[in-house]
C-alpha atoms as a PDB file:
ATOM      1  CA  MET A   1      36.616   6.348 -36.475  1.00  0.00           C
ATOM      2  CA  SER A   2      35.637  10.000 -35.934  1.00  0.00           C
ATOM      3  CA  GLU A   3      38.175  12.842 -35.849  1.00  0.00           C
ATOM      4  CA  LEU A   4      37.368  13.536 -32.192  1.00  0.00           C
ATOM      5  CA  THR A   5      38.012   9.901 -31.262  1.00  0.00           C
ATOM      6  CA  ARG A   6      41.366  10.038 -33.037  1.00  0.00           C
ATOM      7  CA  TYR A   7      42.402  13.080 -31.029  1.00  0.00           C
ATOM      8  CA  LEU A   8      41.218  11.452 -27.797  1.00  0.00           C
ATOM      9  CA  ILE A   9      43.366   8.382 -28.522  1.00  0.00           C
ATOM     10  CA  VAL A  10      46.449  10.043 -29.992  1.00  0.00           C
ATOM     11  CA  CYS A  11      46.972  13.110 -27.780  1.00  0.00           C
ATOM     12  CA  PRO A  12      47.120  11.332 -24.385  1.00  0.00           C
ATOM     13  CA  LEU A  13      49.424   8.647 -25.811  1.00  0.00           C
ATOM     14  CA  ILE A  14      51.738  11.256 -27.382  1.00  0.00           C
ATOM     15  CA  PHE A  15      51.781  13.023 -24.006  1.00  0.00           C
ATOM     16  CA  LEU A  16      52.720   9.683 -22.421  1.00  0.00           C
ATOM     17  CA  GLY A  17      55.393   9.158 -25.083  1.00  0.00           C
ATOM     18  CA  GLY A  18      56.946  12.535 -24.283  1.00  0.00           C
ATOM     19  CA  PHE A  19      56.826  11.775 -20.571  1.00  0.00           C
ATOM     20  CA  VAL A  20      58.490   8.389 -21.070  1.00  0.00           C
ATOM     21  CA  ASP A  21      61.104   9.837 -23.408  1.00  0.00           C
ATOM     22  CA  ALA A  22      62.134  12.431 -20.829  1.00  0.00           C
ATOM     23  CA  ILE A  23      62.530   9.785 -18.119  1.00  0.00           C
ATOM     24  CA  ALA A  24      64.295   6.969 -19.931  1.00  0.00           C
ATOM     25  CA  GLY A  25      64.051   7.407 -23.712  1.00  0.00           C
ATOM     26  CA  GLY A  26      62.046   5.186 -26.042  1.00  0.00           C
ATOM     27  CA  GLY A  27      59.089   7.545 -26.409  1.00  0.00           C
ATOM     28  CA  GLY A  28      58.838   6.665 -30.095  1.00  0.00           C
ATOM     29  CA  LEU A  29      57.838   3.146 -29.071  1.00  0.00           C
ATOM     30  CA  ILE A  30      54.617   4.753 -27.797  1.00  0.00           C
ATOM     31  CA  SER A  31      54.104   7.659 -30.208  1.00  0.00           C
ATOM     32  CA  LEU A  32      54.117   5.671 -33.471  1.00  0.00           C
ATOM     33  CA  PRO A  33      51.716   2.954 -32.233  1.00  0.00           C
ATOM     34  CA  ALA A  34      49.453   5.766 -30.957  1.00  0.00           C
ATOM     35  CA  TYR A  35      48.660   6.844 -34.509  1.00  0.00           C
ATOM     36  CA  LEU A  36      48.252   3.241 -35.658  1.00  0.00           C
ATOM     37  CA  ILE A  37      45.909   2.449 -32.764  1.00  0.00           C
ATOM     38  CA  ALA A  38      43.854   5.491 -33.831  1.00  0.00           C
ATOM     39  CA  GLY A  39      43.354   3.853 -37.218  1.00  0.00           C
ATOM     40  CA  LEU A  40      45.762   5.805 -39.425  1.00  0.00           C
ATOM     41  CA  PRO A  41      47.302   3.937 -42.362  1.00  0.00           C
ATOM     42  CA  ALA A  42      50.937   3.016 -41.686  1.00  0.00           C
ATOM     43  CA  HIS A  43      52.449   5.667 -43.953  1.00  0.00           C
ATOM     44  CA  ALA A  44      50.188   8.397 -42.570  1.00  0.00           C
ATOM     45  CA  ALA A  45      51.022   7.283 -39.025  1.00  0.00           C
ATOM     46  CA  ILE A  46      54.767   7.553 -39.644  1.00  0.00           C
ATOM     47  CA  GLY A  47      54.437  10.847 -41.526  1.00  0.00           C
ATOM     48  CA  THR A  48      52.207  12.463 -38.906  1.00  0.00           C
ATOM     49  CA  ASN A  49      54.419  11.161 -36.114  1.00  0.00           C
ATOM     50  CA  LYS A  50      57.327  13.071 -37.685  1.00  0.00           C
ATOM     51  CA  ILE A  51      55.563  16.374 -36.906  1.00  0.00           C
ATOM     52  CA  SER A  52      55.300  15.746 -33.168  1.00  0.00           C
ATOM     53  CA  SER A  53      58.802  14.242 -33.134  1.00  0.00           C
ATOM     54  CA  ALA A  54      60.285  17.239 -34.954  1.00  0.00           C
ATOM     55  CA  MET A  55      58.594  19.695 -32.592  1.00  0.00           C
ATOM     56  CA  GLY A  56      60.044  18.035 -29.507  1.00  0.00           C
ATOM     57  CA  THR A  57      63.465  17.480 -31.064  1.00  0.00           C
ATOM     58  CA  THR A  58      63.717  21.139 -32.135  1.00  0.00           C
ATOM     59  CA  LEU A  59      63.336  22.295 -28.539  1.00  0.00           C
ATOM     60  CA  THR A  60      65.771  19.745 -27.115  1.00  0.00           C
ATOM     61  CA  THR A  61      68.333  20.529 -29.846  1.00  0.00           C
ATOM     62  CA  TRP A  62      68.161  24.212 -28.922  1.00  0.00           C
ATOM     63  CA  LYS A  63      68.627  23.287 -25.263  1.00  0.00           C
ATOM     64  CA  PHE A  64      71.724  21.191 -26.073  1.00  0.00           C
ATOM     65  CA  TRP A  65      73.105  24.030 -28.200  1.00  0.00           C
ATOM     66  CA  LYS A  66      72.715  26.480 -25.302  1.00  0.00           C
ATOM     67  CA  GLN A  67      74.484  23.996 -23.014  1.00  0.00           C
ATOM     68  CA  GLY A  68      77.444  23.771 -25.408  1.00  0.00           C
ATOM     69  CA  TYR A  69      77.058  20.081 -26.233  1.00  0.00           C
ATOM     70  CA  ILE A  70      76.910  20.524 -30.015  1.00  0.00           C
ATOM     71  CA  ARG A  71      80.146  20.490 -32.029  1.00  0.00           C
ATOM     72  CA  LEU A  72      79.091  22.682 -34.923  1.00  0.00           C
ATOM     73  CA  LYS A  73      81.263  21.419 -37.808  1.00  0.00           C
ATOM     74  CA  LEU A  74      80.795  17.749 -36.956  1.00  0.00           C
ATOM     75  CA  SER A  75      77.056  18.178 -36.421  1.00  0.00           C
ATOM     76  CA  LEU A  76      76.546  20.049 -39.700  1.00  0.00           C
ATOM     77  CA  LEU A  77      78.406  17.322 -41.606  1.00  0.00           C
ATOM     78  CA  CYS A  78      76.281  14.658 -39.946  1.00  0.00           C
ATOM     79  CA  ALA A  79      73.126  16.656 -40.662  1.00  0.00           C
ATOM     80  CA  VAL A  80      73.830  16.595 -44.406  1.00  0.00           C
ATOM     81  CA  PHE A  81      74.288  12.819 -44.436  1.00  0.00           C
ATOM     82  CA  ALA A  82      71.261  12.375 -42.157  1.00  0.00           C
ATOM     83  CA  LEU A  83      69.063  14.423 -44.503  1.00  0.00           C
ATOM     84  CA  VAL A  84      70.065  12.271 -47.472  1.00  0.00           C
ATOM     85  CA  GLY A  85      69.619   9.014 -45.567  1.00  0.00           C
ATOM     86  CA  SER A  86      66.245   9.950 -44.120  1.00  0.00           C
ATOM     87  CA  ALA A  87      64.845  11.095 -47.463  1.00  0.00           C
ATOM     88  CA  CYS A  88      65.946   7.773 -49.002  1.00  0.00           C
ATOM     89  CA  GLY A  89      64.413   5.813 -46.121  1.00  0.00           C
ATOM     90  CA  ALA A  90      61.097   7.665 -46.336  1.00  0.00           C
ATOM     91  CA  ASN A  91      60.861   7.161 -50.099  1.00  0.00           C
ATOM     92  CA  LEU A  92      61.671   3.482 -49.611  1.00  0.00           C
ATOM     93  CA  ALA A  93      58.886   3.190 -47.023  1.00  0.00           C
ATOM     94  CA  LEU A  94      56.389   4.725 -49.443  1.00  0.00           C
ATOM     95  CA  LEU A  95      57.087   1.909 -51.904  1.00  0.00           C
ATOM     96  CA  VAL A  96      55.865  -0.694 -49.395  1.00  0.00           C
ATOM     97  CA  ALA A  97      52.118  -1.428 -49.437  1.00  0.00           C
ATOM     98  CA  ASP A  98      50.273  -0.405 -46.270  1.00  0.00           C
ATOM     99  CA  ARG A  99      49.232  -3.954 -45.311  1.00  0.00           C
ATOM    100  CA  ILE A 100      52.758  -5.295 -45.790  1.00  0.00           C
ATOM    101  CA  PHE A 101      54.179  -2.359 -43.867  1.00  0.00           C
ATOM    102  CA  LYS A 102      51.927  -3.106 -40.882  1.00  0.00           C
ATOM    103  CA  LEU A 103      53.036  -6.733 -41.018  1.00  0.00           C
ATOM    104  CA  LEU A 104      56.669  -5.574 -40.943  1.00  0.00           C
ATOM    105  CA  LEU A 105      55.915  -3.356 -37.952  1.00  0.00           C
ATOM    106  CA  LEU A 106      54.646  -6.369 -36.016  1.00  0.00           C
ATOM    107  CA  PHE A 107      58.210  -7.702 -36.135  1.00  0.00           C
ATOM    108  CA  ILE A 108      60.326  -4.540 -36.267  1.00  0.00           C
ATOM    109  CA  LEU A 109      58.742  -2.644 -33.391  1.00  0.00           C
ATOM    110  CA  PRO A 110      59.135  -5.286 -30.652  1.00  0.00           C
ATOM    111  CA  LEU A 111      62.680  -6.055 -31.814  1.00  0.00           C
ATOM    112  CA  THR A 112      63.478  -2.344 -31.537  1.00  0.00           C
ATOM    113  CA  ALA A 113      61.949  -2.264 -28.061  1.00  0.00           C
ATOM    114  CA  LEU A 114      63.991  -5.285 -26.985  1.00  0.00           C
ATOM    115  CA  TYR A 115      67.232  -3.714 -28.230  1.00  0.00           C
ATOM    116  CA  VAL A 116      66.491  -0.380 -26.544  1.00  0.00           C
ATOM    117  CA  PHE A 117      65.685  -2.090 -23.242  1.00  0.00           C
ATOM    118  CA  ARG A 118      68.823  -4.240 -23.288  1.00  0.00           C
ATOM    119  CA  SER A 119      71.211  -1.443 -24.332  1.00  0.00           C
ATOM    120  CA  LYS A 120      72.578   0.077 -21.143  1.00  0.00           C
ATOM    121  CA  SER A 121      76.135   1.173 -21.904  1.00  0.00           C
ATOM    122  CA  LEU A 122      76.277   4.782 -23.089  1.00  0.00           C
ATOM    123  CA  SER A 123      79.813   5.514 -22.029  1.00  0.00           C
ATOM    124  CA  ALA A 124      83.035   5.913 -23.970  1.00  0.00           C
ATOM    125  CA  GLU A 125      85.094   5.642 -20.789  1.00  0.00           C
ATOM    126  CA  GLY A 126      88.360   3.812 -21.233  1.00  0.00           C
ATOM    127  CA  LYS A 127      88.298   4.271 -24.995  1.00  0.00           C
ATOM    128  CA  GLU A 128      90.999   6.260 -26.706  1.00  0.00           C
ATOM    129  CA  PRO A 129      89.649   9.271 -28.636  1.00  0.00           C
ATOM    130  CA  LEU A 130      89.901   8.816 -32.383  1.00  0.00           C
ATOM    131  CA  SER A 131      91.587  11.271 -34.721  1.00  0.00           C
ATOM    132  CA  PRO A 132      89.266  14.099 -35.878  1.00  0.00           C
ATOM    133  CA  ARG A 133      89.197  12.616 -39.391  1.00  0.00           C
ATOM    134  CA  LYS A 134      88.169   9.147 -38.187  1.00  0.00           C
ATOM    135  CA  THR A 135      85.534  10.661 -35.894  1.00  0.00           C
ATOM    136  CA  TYR A 136      84.063  12.681 -38.762  1.00  0.00           C
ATOM    137  CA  VAL A 137      84.013   9.722 -41.161  1.00  0.00           C
ATOM    138  CA  ILE A 138      82.428   7.311 -38.665  1.00  0.00           C
ATOM    139  CA  ALA A 139      79.878   9.849 -37.405  1.00  0.00           C
ATOM    140  CA  ALA A 140      78.865  10.812 -40.967  1.00  0.00           C
ATOM    141  CA  ALA A 141      78.478   7.140 -41.950  1.00  0.00           C
ATOM    142  CA  LEU A 142      76.334   6.495 -38.871  1.00  0.00           C
ATOM    143  CA  ALA A 143      74.200   9.557 -39.655  1.00  0.00           C
ATOM    144  CA  LEU A 144      73.549   8.191 -43.155  1.00  0.00           C
ATOM    145  CA  VAL A 145      72.673   4.655 -42.032  1.00  0.00           C
ATOM    146  CA  ILE A 146      70.530   5.670 -39.053  1.00  0.00           C
ATOM    147  CA  GLY A 147      68.994   8.363 -41.239  1.00  0.00           C
ATOM    148  CA  VAL A 148      67.699   5.671 -43.586  1.00  0.00           C
ATOM    149  CA  TYR A 149      66.273   3.779 -40.599  1.00  0.00           C
ATOM    150  CA  ASP A 150      64.601   6.875 -39.148  1.00  0.00           C
ATOM    151  CA  GLY A 151      63.062   7.853 -42.476  1.00  0.00           C
ATOM    152  CA  PHE A 152      61.765   4.334 -42.993  1.00  0.00           C
ATOM    153  CA  TYR A 153      60.549   3.701 -39.441  1.00  0.00           C
ATOM    154  CA  GLY A 154      61.942   5.718 -36.518  1.00  0.00           C
ATOM    155  CA  PRO A 155      61.503   4.484 -32.920  1.00  0.00           C
ATOM    156  CA  GLY A 156      64.776   3.995 -31.038  1.00  0.00           C
ATOM    157  CA  THR A 157      66.777   6.309 -33.313  1.00  0.00           C
ATOM    158  CA  GLY A 158      68.149   8.463 -30.493  1.00  0.00           C
ATOM    159  CA  THR A 159      69.229   5.468 -28.440  1.00  0.00           C
ATOM    160  CA  PHE A 160      70.897   3.794 -31.416  1.00  0.00           C
ATOM    161  CA  LEU A 161      72.813   6.982 -32.241  1.00  0.00           C
ATOM    162  CA  LEU A 162      74.043   7.466 -28.685  1.00  0.00           C
ATOM    163  CA  LEU A 163      75.228   3.873 -28.465  1.00  0.00           C
ATOM    164  CA  LEU A 164      76.981   4.005 -31.829  1.00  0.00           C
ATOM    165  CA  LEU A 165      78.563   7.461 -31.462  1.00  0.00           C
ATOM    166  CA  THR A 166      80.015   6.577 -28.058  1.00  0.00           C
ATOM    167  CA  GLY A 167      80.865   2.992 -28.979  1.00  0.00           C
ATOM    168  CA  LEU A 168      82.238   3.346 -32.511  1.00  0.00           C
ATOM    169  CA  ALA A 169      83.219   7.020 -32.805  1.00  0.00           C
ATOM    170  CA  HIS A 170      84.516   7.122 -29.195  1.00  0.00           C
ATOM    171  CA  MET A 171      82.756  10.425 -28.543  1.00  0.00           C
ATOM    172  CA  ASP A 172      82.150  11.611 -24.984  1.00  0.00           C
ATOM    173  CA  LEU A 173      78.542  11.334 -23.849  1.00  0.00           C
ATOM    174  CA  ASN A 174      77.740  15.061 -23.941  1.00  0.00           C
ATOM    175  CA  SER A 175      79.092  15.562 -27.471  1.00  0.00           C
ATOM    176  CA  ALA A 176      77.405  12.363 -28.636  1.00  0.00           C
ATOM    177  CA  ALA A 177      74.096  13.513 -27.159  1.00  0.00           C
ATOM    178  CA  GLY A 178      74.376  16.904 -28.857  1.00  0.00           C
ATOM    179  CA  THR A 179      75.276  15.355 -32.213  1.00  0.00           C
ATOM    180  CA  THR A 180      72.426  12.871 -31.805  1.00  0.00           C
ATOM    181  CA  LYS A 181      69.908  15.682 -31.440  1.00  0.00           C
ATOM    182  CA  VAL A 182      71.145  17.441 -34.587  1.00  0.00           C
ATOM    183  CA  ILE A 183      71.034  14.190 -36.583  1.00  0.00           C
ATOM    184  CA  ASN A 184      67.604  13.296 -35.213  1.00  0.00           C
ATOM    185  CA  LEU A 185      66.213  16.742 -36.033  1.00  0.00           C
ATOM    186  CA  SER A 186      67.609  16.470 -39.577  1.00  0.00           C
ATOM    187  CA  THR A 187      66.105  13.014 -40.142  1.00  0.00           C
ATOM    188  CA  ASN A 188      62.725  14.150 -38.811  1.00  0.00           C
ATOM    189  CA  ILE A 189      62.663  17.167 -41.133  1.00  0.00           C
ATOM    190  CA  ALA A 190      63.753  15.232 -44.228  1.00  0.00           C
ATOM    191  CA  ALA A 191      61.230  12.450 -43.633  1.00  0.00           C
ATOM    192  CA  LEU A 192      58.464  14.933 -42.804  1.00  0.00           C
ATOM    193  CA  VAL A 193      59.028  16.865 -46.042  1.00  0.00           C
ATOM    194  CA  THR A 194      58.975  13.609 -48.028  1.00  0.00           C
ATOM    195  CA  TYR A 195      55.720  12.458 -46.440  1.00  0.00           C
ATOM    196  CA  LEU A 196      54.180  15.930 -46.840  1.00  0.00           C
ATOM    197  CA  ILE A 197      54.998  15.988 -50.555  1.00  0.00           C
ATOM    198  CA  ASN A 198      53.318  12.609 -50.921  1.00  0.00           C
ATOM    199  CA  GLY A 199      50.227  13.649 -48.956  1.00  0.00           C
ATOM    200  CA  LYS A 200      50.825  11.235 -46.072  1.00  0.00           C
ATOM    201  CA  VAL A 201      50.608  13.710 -43.167  1.00  0.00           C
ATOM    202  CA  LEU A 202      47.584  14.762 -41.078  1.00  0.00           C
ATOM    203  CA  LEU A 203      48.911  18.216 -40.314  1.00  0.00           C
ATOM    204  CA  SER A 204      46.411  19.417 -37.687  1.00  0.00           C
ATOM    205  CA  LEU A 205      46.520  16.140 -35.739  1.00  0.00           C
ATOM    206  CA  GLY A 206      50.325  16.117 -35.770  1.00  0.00           C
ATOM    207  CA  LEU A 207      50.602  19.732 -34.566  1.00  0.00           C
ATOM    208  CA  VAL A 208      48.137  19.279 -31.713  1.00  0.00           C
ATOM    209  CA  ALA A 209      49.741  15.980 -30.725  1.00  0.00           C
ATOM    210  CA  GLY A 210      53.146  17.670 -30.816  1.00  0.00           C
ATOM    211  CA  ILE A 211      52.009  20.165 -28.183  1.00  0.00           C
ATOM    212  CA  PHE A 212      50.906  17.270 -25.970  1.00  0.00           C
ATOM    213  CA  GLY A 213      54.279  15.570 -26.550  1.00  0.00           C
ATOM    214  CA  ILE A 214      56.172  18.687 -25.483  1.00  0.00           C
ATOM    215  CA  ALA A 215      53.981  18.963 -22.376  1.00  0.00           C
ATOM    216  CA  GLY A 216      54.690  15.322 -21.509  1.00  0.00           C
ATOM    217  CA  ASN A 217      58.414  15.838 -21.994  1.00  0.00           C
ATOM    218  CA  TRP A 218      58.370  18.928 -19.773  1.00  0.00           C
ATOM    219  CA  LEU A 219      56.485  17.081 -17.031  1.00  0.00           C
ATOM    220  CA  GLY A 220      58.792  14.075 -17.304  1.00  0.00           C
ATOM    221  CA  THR A 221      61.925  16.197 -16.840  1.00  0.00           C
ATOM    222  CA  ARG A 222      60.421  17.935 -13.795  1.00  0.00           C
ATOM    223  CA  PHE A 223      59.267  14.762 -12.079  1.00  0.00           C
ATOM    224  CA  PHE A 224      62.137  12.475 -13.009  1.00  0.00           C
ATOM    225  CA  THR A 225      63.011   9.930 -10.307  1.00  0.00           C
ATOM    226  CA  GLU A 226      64.628   6.525 -10.378  1.00  0.00           C
ATOM    227  CA  LYS A 227      61.342   5.080  -9.233  1.00  0.00           C
ATOM    228  CA  GLY A 228      59.627   6.869 -12.108  1.00  0.00           C
ATOM    229  CA  ALA A 229      62.008   5.274 -14.587  1.00  0.00           C
ATOM    230  CA  LYS A 230      60.847   1.842 -13.461  1.00  0.00           C
ATOM    231  CA  ILE A 231      57.313   2.467 -14.760  1.00  0.00           C
ATOM    232  CA  VAL A 232      58.541   3.105 -18.305  1.00  0.00           C
ATOM    233  CA  LYS A 233      58.852  -0.517 -19.444  1.00  0.00           C
ATOM    234  CA  PRO A 234      55.377  -1.568 -18.231  1.00  0.00           C
ATOM    235  CA  LEU A 235      53.837   1.486 -19.914  1.00  0.00           C
ATOM    236  CA  ILE A 236      55.540   0.734 -23.224  1.00  0.00           C
ATOM    237  CA  CYS A 237      54.552  -2.937 -22.977  1.00  0.00           C
ATOM    238  CA  VAL A 238      50.880  -1.986 -22.486  1.00  0.00           C
ATOM    239  CA  VAL A 239      50.906   0.307 -25.535  1.00  0.00           C
ATOM    240  CA  LEU A 240      52.692  -2.321 -27.652  1.00  0.00           C
ATOM    241  CA  ALA A 241      50.124  -4.928 -26.597  1.00  0.00           C
ATOM    242  CA  ILE A 242      47.258  -2.641 -27.667  1.00  0.00           C
ATOM    243  CA  PHE A 243      49.066  -1.950 -30.928  1.00  0.00           C
ATOM    244  CA  PHE A 244      49.509  -5.673 -31.602  1.00  0.00           C
ATOM    245  CA  ILE A 245      45.849  -6.426 -30.924  1.00  0.00           C
ATOM    246  CA  ARG A 246      44.748  -3.595 -33.188  1.00  0.00           C
ATOM    247  CA  ILE A 247      47.006  -4.607 -36.100  1.00  0.00           C
ATOM    248  CA  VAL A 248      46.210  -8.325 -35.807  1.00  0.00           C
ATOM    249  CA  TYR A 249      42.491  -7.506 -35.738  1.00  0.00           C
ATOM    250  CA  GLU A 250      42.839  -5.367 -38.882  1.00  0.00           C
ATOM    251  CA  MET A 251      44.792  -8.128 -40.616  1.00  0.00           C
ATOM    252  CA  ALA A 252      42.164 -10.720 -39.682  1.00  0.00           C
ATOM    253  CA  THR A 253      39.143  -8.636 -40.672  1.00  0.00           C
ATOM    254  CA  GLY A 254      40.693  -6.923 -43.681  1.00  0.00           C
ATOM    255  CA  GLY A 255      40.141  -3.534 -42.043  1.00  0.00           C
END
């Protein structure tokens, strides 16, 4: 596959991923398969995807900071644990052979999609706030565990964090969202550095795709409607179907 063809496949899908993420979350369920559909090896796809993810997350983290949703001490603690977890997850992923990793993705990705679609409760209403110490311990533990997941794989990380921080740490939605962004940014950076060191990142493709992702996110936030949110699931299903066909074909032909 030529470089131009890769850009023509990846950039529109990353734009779509950003658009979907702004409307209802789950953009990673489109962005990672985009690189795989374009023919990148699994490790290179995950590593390159971390560039576009980090670019978008940096901007949204700044926005949440300006809005006062980030509790600095708690977020910094979580960031440390997230960095460690993500680096471990990325190094673990690099130990898995590319063909086996793609086979794993055939099972992991749809299961992630199913969980994201079925998870609707993001509220800590009716739950008693925990003591600061318990909140810090639980949030740090979650940052470590989800950090490993994000370094190893990635899609659904933001949704998982929101659900767990509100459900287990009893954080209010705004604080949980702010902490989620800090953790997610930390995991993206740690994984990206790990993949860069190991030569698993297509830097130019990731940077250009990241610009498209930011544009999609911006458009999604401006044109958000309830009706718009309804198109998210069909869009993700179409991309996942293409991804499945591509991977199965590669497995069958040895490509």
